[in-house]
Amino acid sequence: MSLRHKLYAYLVVVHVLAIVLMVVLLRDTPQTMLALEAALLVSLFLGLRLIGRALEPLGYTRHFHDLLQDQHYAARLQGSADGELGELVALFNTMLERLYRERLQLGEQQGFLDRLLEATPSAVIVFDFDGNVSLLNASAQALVGTPAGAPAPRGQALRALARTDGDQGLLAELDALPLGESRMLTAASGRRYRGQRGQFHDRGFPRHFLLVEELTEELESSEKSTYDKLIRVLAHEVNNTVAATGSVLDSLLYYRGQLAERDGEDFGTAIAAVKQRNVRLGEFIERFTRVVKMPAPELRRCALRDIMDDILYLYREPCRSRGIQIGWGRCDAAPLLALDRQLMEQALLNVVKNAMEAVEQAGGEWQGIEFVLACEDGAVRLSVFDTGNLLGGVPAEQLFTPFFTTKKGGQGIGLLFVREVMGRHGFQYRLAASGDARTVFEVIVPVV
């Protein structure tokens, strides 16, 4: 029973008892009894009326609660002629107006943030309180490999969203990023990213988010410009020193005849050794300047299988002499591709040379290199497998970086050249352990 009904029941019971009591006590004086009964009936009517007016604010409060519950902030309560009740209604309507404006403002801000998240080229990944993914923008869905039009995955760990082994490595590194730290990361495809983890508070509790930015062409060109300047300065100083030293050494050879025969022979041998070292130093610098001075690719339609045929013919005898077997999965149906044959051939020569040296360095009962050319939807994929498997414990971010190498005596220039060639063509590529005790280099060339 509600409070209103309880008050009504109490008032009725009291007046009914009073009327009954008067009938019993004042039965001998009917005029007085009738007058008192009339007064009690008027009192009952006024009491019911006052209770209704007194409890009227509870009705407005209930309507206000229903509006808040249904989130109908644009609705308004009807005013009252009662001054005090009118003030209460005006207060409720003011609160509704303020809530409506705040909700409208929050909705506009949320809409702006949603459009901003969808338009930004950076990948934004938001986690829930348990550390699982709760929001991904369009760039983040592309990063984790979600097909276009498919619903964004939620409620899973970040590394569980990977569709390939290469993606799993990148997502695992992103998932392990410490709070407040920014790192450079490299995917198995060769793409480089800058990842940063931050946090915000939701209902008083912290939640984390990731901001992942792919290094754009402008950032890469800025990085390359710094690297180019360094190489040019080194090349200038080394070449000047090598030229001056070579000239002095040639001049010193004129004094060989003035020495004893035995001393002259040692003297000539020493001069020849120093000159040979100068030549090697010049060649070392030339390899770096070759990357810096690489021309823009001149795209012409050619067959990738023909390039691989020439490379295999060149390395067939060196592999046979080292006991390395060669497999060639040739695809004659592969269409002609738009690329710079000279640059692509030199890059693939570096890849095959690295594979052959890796197989020879690793040894083992079976040594082999396999080349597979496959046609895909709108692209041609070339894969180079080797049994060397020297990249099993190498972090992906170290590959294709200057001066990094896994070979003894290597200089870390070959993969840098490959990166520049593939990057200037705009091809997707990756170098990683294939998971079957082999290393694979893959390049995907679109059919134009």
Protein backbone atom coordinates (compact mmCIF):
# COMPACT_ATOMS: atom_id res chain seq x y z
CA MET A 1 0.00 0.00 0.00
CA SER A 2 1.34 3.42 -0.98
CA LEU A 3 1.71 6.36 1.37
CA ARG A 4 -1.22 8.14 -0.31
CA HIS A 5 -3.54 5.20 0.28
CA LYS A 6 -2.39 4.83 3.86
CA LEU A 7 -3.16 8.49 4.61
CA TYR A 8 -6.53 8.26 2.89
CA ALA A 9 -7.39 5.12 4.89
CA TYR A 10 -6.28 6.68 8.15
CA LEU A 11 -8.34 9.85 7.56
CA VAL A 12 -11.47 7.91 6.57
CA VAL A 13 -11.23 5.50 9.52
CA VAL A 14 -10.80 8.35 12.04
CA HIS A 15 -13.79 10.30 10.68
CA VAL A 16 -16.01 7.23 10.42
CA LEU A 17 -15.25 6.32 14.04
CA ALA A 18 -15.98 9.90 15.07
CA ILE A 19 -19.31 9.84 13.24
CA VAL A 20 -20.29 6.49 14.81
CA LEU A 21 -19.33 7.77 18.27
CA MET A 22 -21.46 10.89 17.85
CA VAL A 23 -24.44 8.82 16.74
CA VAL A 24 -24.14 6.74 19.92
CA LEU A 25 -23.52 9.64 22.33
CA LEU A 26 -25.78 12.31 20.83
CA ARG A 27 -28.73 10.20 19.81
CA ASP A 28 -30.98 12.17 22.22
CA THR A 29 -30.02 15.52 20.66
CA PRO A 30 -30.45 14.96 16.92
CA GLN A 31 -29.85 18.55 15.91
CA THR A 32 -26.44 18.66 17.56
CA MET A 33 -25.56 15.23 16.16
CA LEU A 34 -26.45 16.26 12.61
CA ALA A 35 -24.44 19.49 12.90
CA LEU A 36 -21.35 17.65 14.15
CA GLU A 37 -21.70 14.94 11.51
CA ALA A 38 -21.89 17.59 8.80
CA ALA A 39 -18.77 19.23 10.21
CA LEU A 40 -16.94 15.87 10.20
CA LEU A 41 -17.95 15.24 6.57
CA VAL A 42 -16.61 18.67 5.60
CA SER A 43 -13.41 17.91 7.56
CA LEU A 44 -13.06 14.55 5.75
CA PHE A 45 -13.47 16.23 2.37
CA LEU A 46 -10.95 18.96 3.22
CA GLY A 47 -8.52 16.37 4.63
CA LEU A 48 -8.68 14.28 1.46
CA ARG A 49 -8.21 17.43 -0.62
CA LEU A 50 -5.20 18.59 1.41
CA ILE A 51 -3.59 15.13 1.32
CA GLY A 52 -3.95 15.11 -2.47
CA ARG A 53 -2.35 18.58 -2.72
CA ALA A 54 0.38 17.68 -0.23
CA LEU A 55 1.32 14.50 -2.09
CA GLU A 56 1.12 16.05 -5.56
CA PRO A 57 4.94 16.71 -5.65
CA LEU A 58 5.43 12.95 -5.28
CA GLY A 59 3.63 12.49 -8.60
CA TYR A 60 5.90 15.02 -10.30
CA THR A 61 8.88 13.29 -8.75
CA ARG A 62 7.68 9.95 -10.16
CA HIS A 63 7.22 11.47 -13.63
CA PHE A 64 10.68 13.06 -13.37
CA HIS A 65 12.16 9.70 -12.40
CA ASP A 66 10.46 8.01 -15.37
CA LEU A 67 11.87 10.63 -17.76
CA LEU A 68 15.36 10.11 -16.36
CA GLN A 69 14.97 6.34 -16.53
CA ASP A 70 13.90 6.48 -20.20
CA GLN A 71 16.45 9.24 -20.96
CA HIS A 72 13.75 11.53 -22.34
CA TYR A 73 15.66 14.69 -21.49
CA ALA A 74 13.88 16.75 -24.13
CA ALA A 75 10.46 16.30 -22.40
CA ARG A 76 9.15 18.82 -19.85
CA LEU A 77 6.81 18.58 -16.87
CA GLN A 78 3.56 20.54 -17.03
CA GLY A 79 3.52 23.59 -14.76
CA SER A 80 1.25 24.11 -11.74
CA ALA A 81 -0.69 27.12 -10.51
CA ASP A 82 0.51 26.41 -6.96
CA GLY A 83 3.47 28.68 -6.23
CA GLU A 84 5.54 26.22 -4.23
CA LEU A 85 4.71 23.30 -6.54
CA GLY A 86 5.47 25.51 -9.53
CA GLU A 87 8.95 26.18 -8.16
CA LEU A 88 9.54 22.44 -7.84
CA VAL A 89 8.34 21.82 -11.41
CA ALA A 90 10.55 24.64 -12.69
CA LEU A 91 13.51 23.08 -10.86
CA PHE A 92 12.81 19.69 -12.45
CA ASN A 93 12.48 21.26 -15.90
CA THR A 94 15.74 23.16 -15.43
CA MET A 95 17.51 19.95 -14.52
CA LEU A 96 16.05 18.25 -17.60
CA GLU A 97 17.15 21.15 -19.81
CA ARG A 98 20.68 21.01 -18.45
CA LEU A 99 20.85 17.24 -18.87
CA TYR A 100 19.54 17.59 -22.43
CA ARG A 101 22.19 20.16 -23.33
CA GLU A 102 24.99 18.12 -21.74
CA ARG A 103 23.84 14.98 -23.51
CA LEU A 104 23.62 16.84 -26.81
CA GLN A 105 27.11 18.23 -26.31
CA LEU A 106 28.49 14.81 -25.37
CA GLY A 107 26.79 13.29 -28.41
CA GLU A 108 28.34 15.88 -30.70
CA GLN A 109 31.75 15.34 -29.13
CA GLN A 110 31.37 11.55 -29.39
CA GLY A 111 30.38 11.87 -33.03
CA PHE A 112 33.38 14.07 -33.70
CA LEU A 113 35.69 11.61 -31.95
CA ASP A 114 34.20 8.69 -33.89
CA ARG A 115 34.73 10.45 -37.22
CA LEU A 116 38.21 11.52 -36.14
CA LEU A 117 39.14 7.94 -35.19
CA GLU A 118 37.88 6.63 -38.52
CA ALA A 119 39.69 9.31 -40.53
CA THR A 120 43.04 9.23 -38.74
CA PRO A 121 45.76 7.19 -40.49
CA SER A 122 47.08 6.06 -37.11
CA ALA A 123 45.78 2.81 -35.66
CA VAL A 124 43.96 3.28 -32.33
CA ILE A 125 43.34 0.23 -30.14
CA VAL A 126 41.43 0.63 -26.85
CA PHE A 127 41.40 -2.07 -24.18
CA ASP A 128 38.81 -2.86 -21.53
CA PHE A 129 39.47 -3.29 -17.82
CA ASP A 130 40.63 -6.89 -18.38
CA GLY A 131 43.17 -5.94 -21.05
CA ASN A 132 41.11 -7.27 -23.97
CA VAL A 133 40.39 -5.26 -27.11
CA SER A 134 37.22 -3.18 -26.87
CA LEU A 135 37.61 -0.73 -29.79
CA LEU A 136 39.54 -0.60 -33.07
CA ASN A 137 39.33 2.15 -35.65
CA ALA A 138 39.57 1.46 -39.40
CA SER A 139 43.37 1.70 -39.45
CA ALA A 140 43.64 -0.70 -36.50
CA GLN A 141 41.35 -3.21 -38.25
CA ALA A 142 43.60 -3.04 -41.31
CA LEU A 143 46.63 -3.54 -39.06
CA VAL A 144 45.26 -6.75 -37.52
CA GLY A 145 44.02 -7.98 -40.89
CA THR A 146 40.25 -7.72 -40.40
CA PRO A 147 38.53 -8.01 -43.82
CA ALA A 148 36.75 -4.92 -45.12
CA GLY A 149 33.12 -4.82 -44.02
CA ALA A 150 33.61 -7.43 -41.29
CA PRO A 151 32.70 -6.47 -37.70
CA ALA A 152 35.59 -5.32 -35.55
CA PRO A 153 36.83 -8.09 -33.24
CA ARG A 154 36.34 -7.35 -29.55
CA GLY A 155 36.73 -9.13 -26.24
CA GLN A 156 39.98 -10.89 -27.20
CA ALA A 157 43.63 -10.39 -26.40
CA LEU A 158 45.48 -8.33 -29.00
CA ARG A 159 47.90 -11.08 -30.00
CA ALA A 160 44.95 -13.46 -30.52
CA LEU A 161 43.73 -11.31 -33.44
CA ALA A 162 46.75 -12.16 -35.63
CA ARG A 163 45.93 -14.00 -38.86
CA THR A 164 49.53 -14.84 -39.83
CA ASP A 165 52.75 -15.63 -37.96
CA GLY A 166 54.21 -12.31 -39.09
CA ASP A 167 51.23 -10.38 -37.73
CA GLN A 168 51.40 -12.32 -34.46
CA GLY A 169 54.97 -11.15 -33.87
CA LEU A 170 54.05 -7.50 -34.39
CA LEU A 171 50.87 -7.70 -32.27
CA ALA A 172 52.74 -9.51 -29.49
CA GLU A 173 55.31 -6.69 -29.40
CA LEU A 174 52.53 -4.09 -29.31
CA ASP A 175 50.75 -5.98 -26.54
CA ALA A 176 53.97 -6.02 -24.49
CA LEU A 177 54.65 -2.29 -24.81
CA PRO A 178 55.13 -0.69 -21.36
CA LEU A 179 52.85 2.15 -20.32
CA GLY A 180 54.06 5.56 -21.48
CA GLU A 181 56.82 4.17 -23.72
CA SER A 182 57.20 4.67 -27.47
CA ARG A 183 59.08 2.15 -29.63
CA MET A 184 59.95 1.54 -33.25
CA LEU A 185 58.63 -1.82 -34.47
CA THR A 186 59.12 -3.70 -37.73
CA ALA A 187 56.62 -6.18 -39.13
CA ALA A 188 57.62 -9.31 -40.98
CA SER A 189 56.49 -7.58 -44.19
CA GLY A 190 59.20 -4.97 -43.73
CA ARG A 191 56.80 -2.18 -42.75
CA ARG A 192 57.91 -0.11 -39.80
CA TYR A 193 55.66 1.31 -37.09
CA ARG A 194 55.94 3.55 -34.07
CA GLY A 195 53.83 2.24 -31.18
CA GLN A 196 52.94 4.05 -27.96
CA ARG A 197 50.83 2.92 -24.99
CA GLY A 198 48.82 5.35 -22.87
CA GLN A 199 45.94 5.25 -20.43
CA PHE A 200 42.78 7.12 -19.48
CA HIS A 201 40.29 6.74 -16.62
CA ASP A 202 36.81 5.32 -17.08
CA ARG A 203 34.47 5.45 -14.06
CA GLY A 204 37.48 5.94 -11.83
CA PHE A 205 39.50 2.99 -13.13
CA PRO A 206 42.42 3.10 -15.62
CA ARG A 207 42.11 1.70 -19.14
CA HIS A 208 44.93 1.40 -21.66
CA PHE A 209 45.08 2.29 -25.34
CA LEU A 210 47.64 1.90 -28.12
CA LEU A 211 48.49 4.45 -30.79
CA VAL A 212 50.30 2.83 -33.73
CA GLU A 213 51.65 5.00 -36.53
CA GLU A 214 53.15 3.56 -39.69
CA LEU A 215 56.25 5.33 -40.91
CA THR A 216 55.01 7.21 -43.94
CA GLU A 217 57.04 8.04 -47.01
CA GLU A 218 57.76 11.51 -45.60
CA LEU A 219 59.17 10.10 -42.36
CA GLU A 220 61.17 7.47 -44.22
CA SER A 221 62.56 10.06 -46.61
CA SER A 222 63.58 12.22 -43.64
CA GLU A 223 65.33 9.26 -42.04
CA LYS A 224 66.95 8.34 -45.37
CA SER A 225 68.10 11.93 -45.90
CA THR A 226 70.01 11.82 -42.61
CA TYR A 227 71.50 8.48 -43.55
CA ASP A 228 72.46 9.78 -47.01
CA LYS A 229 74.27 12.77 -45.57
CA LEU A 230 76.24 10.52 -43.23
CA ILE A 231 77.27 8.19 -46.07
CA ARG A 232 78.23 11.07 -48.35
CA VAL A 233 80.43 12.64 -45.67
CA LEU A 234 82.10 9.30 -44.94
CA ALA A 235 82.57 8.58 -48.65
CA HIS A 236 84.09 12.01 -49.25
CA GLU A 237 86.58 11.70 -46.40
CA VAL A 238 87.48 8.06 -47.14
CA ASN A 239 87.89 8.63 -50.89
CA ASN A 240 90.11 11.67 -50.32
CA THR A 241 92.23 9.70 -47.89
CA VAL A 242 92.42 6.64 -50.16
CA ALA A 243 93.38 8.78 -53.19
CA ALA A 244 96.08 10.67 -51.30
CA THR A 245 97.42 7.49 -49.71
CA GLY A 246 97.50 5.69 -53.06
CA SER A 247 99.43 8.54 -54.63
CA VAL A 248 101.98 8.52 -51.80
CA LEU A 249 102.35 4.73 -52.04
CA ASP A 250 102.96 4.92 -55.79
CA SER A 251 105.64 7.52 -55.15
CA LEU A 252 107.30 5.34 -52.54
CA LEU A 253 107.69 2.53 -55.06
CA TYR A 254 110.28 4.64 -56.89
CA TYR A 255 112.60 4.14 -53.93
CA ARG A 256 112.40 0.36 -54.16
CA GLY A 257 115.39 0.22 -56.51
CA GLN A 258 117.56 2.06 -54.00
CA LEU A 259 117.16 -0.71 -51.44
CA ALA A 260 118.89 -4.05 -51.21
CA GLU A 261 117.23 -6.83 -53.19
CA ARG A 262 115.80 -8.58 -50.13
CA ASP A 263 114.72 -5.34 -48.50
CA GLY A 264 113.23 -4.11 -51.77
CA GLU A 265 111.11 -7.22 -52.07
CA ASP A 266 109.73 -6.81 -48.53
CA PHE A 267 109.20 -3.12 -49.19
CA GLY A 268 107.21 -3.84 -52.36
CA THR A 269 105.14 -6.49 -50.62
CA ALA A 270 104.23 -4.07 -47.82
CA ILE A 271 103.32 -1.33 -50.29
CA ALA A 272 101.15 -3.76 -52.30
CA ALA A 273 99.36 -4.91 -49.12
CA VAL A 274 98.56 -1.32 -48.12
CA LYS A 275 97.33 -0.49 -51.63
CA GLN A 276 95.12 -3.58 -51.63
CA ARG A 277 93.67 -2.53 -48.30
CA ASN A 278 92.94 0.93 -49.74
CA VAL A 279 91.12 -0.67 -52.65
CA ARG A 280 88.97 -2.77 -50.29
CA LEU A 281 88.17 0.26 -48.19
CA GLY A 282 87.08 2.10 -51.30
CA GLU A 283 84.90 -0.84 -52.34
CA PHE A 284 83.39 -0.92 -48.86
CA ILE A 285 82.33 2.73 -49.11
CA GLU A 286 81.18 2.23 -52.70
CA ARG A 287 78.66 -0.38 -51.55
CA PHE A 288 77.04 2.17 -49.25
CA THR A 289 77.08 4.97 -51.81
CA ARG A 290 75.43 2.60 -54.29
CA VAL A 291 72.39 2.54 -52.01
CA VAL A 292 72.43 6.32 -51.61
CA LYS A 293 72.82 7.00 -55.33
CA MET A 294 70.21 4.46 -56.39
CA PRO A 295 68.22 5.91 -59.31
CA ALA A 296 64.45 6.06 -59.44
CA PRO A 297 63.02 2.83 -60.90
CA GLU A 298 62.20 2.90 -64.62
CA LEU A 299 59.14 0.70 -64.86
CA ARG A 300 58.89 -1.57 -67.87
CA ARG A 301 56.83 -4.69 -68.36
CA CYS A 302 58.90 -7.84 -67.99
CA ALA A 303 58.55 -11.42 -66.76
CA LEU A 304 59.70 -12.11 -63.22
CA ARG A 305 60.22 -15.78 -64.11
CA ASP A 306 62.82 -14.76 -66.73
CA ILE A 307 64.73 -12.78 -64.10
CA MET A 308 64.75 -15.78 -61.79
CA ASP A 309 65.87 -18.06 -64.66
CA ASP A 310 68.92 -15.85 -65.20
CA ILE A 311 69.74 -15.74 -61.48
CA LEU A 312 69.41 -19.52 -61.12
CA TYR A 313 71.64 -20.06 -64.15
CA LEU A 314 74.23 -17.79 -62.54
CA TYR A 315 74.17 -19.57 -59.14
CA ARG A 316 73.61 -23.15 -60.35
CA GLU A 317 77.32 -24.03 -60.47
CA PRO A 318 78.29 -22.33 -57.13
CA CYS A 319 75.44 -24.19 -55.40
CA ARG A 320 76.39 -27.51 -56.99
CA SER A 321 80.01 -27.14 -55.88
CA ARG A 322 78.84 -26.49 -52.28
CA GLY A 323 76.41 -29.41 -52.25
CA ILE A 324 73.33 -27.13 -52.16
CA GLN A 325 70.27 -28.41 -53.98
CA ILE A 326 68.02 -25.97 -55.87
CA GLY A 327 64.26 -26.27 -56.34
CA TRP A 328 62.41 -24.03 -58.81
CA GLY A 329 58.63 -23.85 -58.83
CA ARG A 330 58.23 -21.97 -62.10
CA CYS A 331 54.87 -20.47 -63.03
CA ASP A 332 54.65 -19.99 -66.80
CA ALA A 333 51.20 -18.41 -66.47
CA ALA A 334 52.57 -15.45 -64.49
CA PRO A 335 51.78 -12.24 -66.39
CA LEU A 336 54.22 -9.48 -67.27
CA LEU A 337 54.90 -7.04 -64.41
CA ALA A 338 55.78 -3.35 -64.31
CA LEU A 339 59.18 -3.06 -62.61
CA ASP A 340 62.78 -1.97 -63.09
CA ARG A 341 64.50 -5.13 -64.26
CA GLN A 342 68.04 -4.06 -63.34
CA LEU A 343 67.17 -2.95 -59.80
CA MET A 344 64.93 -5.95 -59.16
CA GLU A 345 67.53 -8.35 -60.52
CA GLN A 346 70.25 -6.86 -58.30
CA ALA A 347 67.97 -7.05 -55.24
CA LEU A 348 67.06 -10.68 -55.91
CA LEU A 349 70.74 -11.50 -56.51
CA ASN A 350 71.42 -10.23 -52.99
CA VAL A 351 68.58 -12.35 -51.62
CA VAL A 352 69.77 -15.53 -53.36
CA LYS A 353 73.40 -14.85 -52.38
CA ASN A 354 72.35 -14.40 -48.73
CA ALA A 355 70.31 -17.62 -48.87
CA MET A 356 73.23 -19.59 -50.33
CA GLU A 357 75.67 -18.25 -47.73
CA ALA A 358 73.18 -18.92 -44.91
CA VAL A 359 72.74 -22.54 -46.03
CA GLU A 360 76.50 -23.01 -46.27
CA GLN A 361 77.05 -21.45 -42.84
CA ALA A 362 74.32 -23.52 -41.15
CA GLY A 363 75.43 -26.85 -42.66
CA GLY A 364 73.34 -29.92 -41.89
CA GLU A 365 72.49 -33.18 -43.58
CA TRP A 366 70.30 -31.62 -46.25
CA GLN A 367 71.09 -28.22 -47.73
CA GLY A 368 68.81 -26.61 -50.21
CA ILE A 369 67.23 -23.46 -51.65
CA GLU A 370 63.74 -23.42 -53.15
CA PHE A 371 62.16 -20.75 -55.34
CA VAL A 372 58.39 -20.62 -55.80
CA LEU A 373 56.60 -18.28 -58.21
CA ALA A 374 52.83 -18.24 -57.70
CA CYS A 375 49.96 -16.32 -59.28
CA GLU A 376 47.41 -14.77 -56.94
CA ASP A 377 44.42 -12.49 -57.37
CA GLY A 378 45.86 -9.41 -59.01
CA ALA A 379 49.46 -10.12 -57.95
CA VAL A 380 52.45 -12.44 -58.33
CA ARG A 381 54.20 -13.82 -55.25
CA LEU A 382 57.85 -14.86 -55.33
CA SER A 383 59.12 -16.90 -52.35
CA VAL A 384 62.75 -17.83 -51.67
CA PHE A 385 63.18 -20.59 -49.04
CA ASP A 386 66.50 -21.73 -47.57
CA THR A 387 67.40 -24.34 -44.96
CA GLY A 388 69.90 -22.05 -43.24
CA ASN A 389 67.23 -20.76 -40.83
CA LEU A 390 69.55 -18.13 -39.34
CA LEU A 391 66.64 -15.82 -38.48
CA GLY A 392 64.94 -18.06 -35.90
CA GLY A 393 65.99 -15.87 -32.96
CA VAL A 394 66.35 -12.53 -34.76
CA PRO A 395 63.78 -9.85 -33.83
CA ALA A 396 61.85 -8.60 -36.85
CA GLU A 397 62.70 -4.95 -36.13
CA GLN A 398 66.42 -5.62 -36.72
CA LEU A 399 65.95 -6.90 -40.27
CA PHE A 400 66.46 -4.48 -43.17
CA THR A 401 68.24 -2.00 -40.89
CA PRO A 402 71.64 -0.55 -41.81
CA PHE A 403 74.73 -2.50 -40.66
CA PHE A 404 72.73 -5.46 -39.27
CA THR A 405 73.83 -8.89 -40.48
CA THR A 406 73.84 -12.51 -39.31
CA LYS A 407 76.80 -13.50 -41.49
CA LYS A 408 80.38 -13.63 -40.32
CA GLY A 409 82.18 -10.68 -41.82
CA GLY A 410 78.94 -9.26 -43.22
CA GLN A 411 78.41 -5.51 -43.54
CA GLY A 412 74.62 -5.27 -43.43
CA ILE A 413 74.33 -3.63 -46.86
CA GLY A 414 72.60 -6.33 -48.94
CA LEU A 415 69.24 -6.25 -47.13
CA LEU A 416 69.40 -2.47 -46.96
CA PHE A 417 69.69 -2.43 -50.76
CA VAL A 418 66.76 -4.86 -51.00
CA ARG A 419 64.65 -2.64 -48.75
CA GLU A 420 65.37 0.42 -50.87
CA VAL A 421 64.52 -1.36 -54.12
CA MET A 422 61.27 -2.83 -52.79
CA GLY A 423 60.33 0.42 -51.10
CA ARG A 424 60.88 2.48 -54.26
CA HIS A 425 58.73 0.05 -56.23
CA GLY A 426 56.05 0.02 -53.53
CA PHE A 427 56.05 -3.78 -53.28
CA GLN A 428 55.11 -5.73 -50.14
CA TYR A 429 57.92 -7.91 -48.87
CA ARG A 430 58.97 -9.82 -45.78
CA LEU A 431 61.87 -11.90 -44.48
CA ALA A 432 61.24 -14.26 -41.58
CA ALA A 433 61.52 -17.79 -40.27
CA SER A 434 58.84 -19.86 -42.02
CA GLY A 435 58.18 -22.16 -39.04
CA ASP A 436 59.46 -25.34 -40.73
CA ALA A 437 63.16 -24.86 -39.92
CA ARG A 438 63.54 -22.65 -42.98
CA THR A 439 63.84 -18.96 -43.76
CA VAL A 440 61.61 -17.37 -46.38
CA PHE A 441 61.86 -14.13 -48.31
CA GLU A 442 58.63 -13.13 -50.05
CA VAL A 443 57.80 -10.27 -52.39
CA ILE A 444 54.34 -9.55 -53.79
CA VAL A 445 54.30 -7.70 -57.11
CA PRO A 446 50.90 -6.33 -58.19
CA VAL A 447 49.75 -6.89 -61.75
CA VAL A 448 49.15 -3.51 -63.38
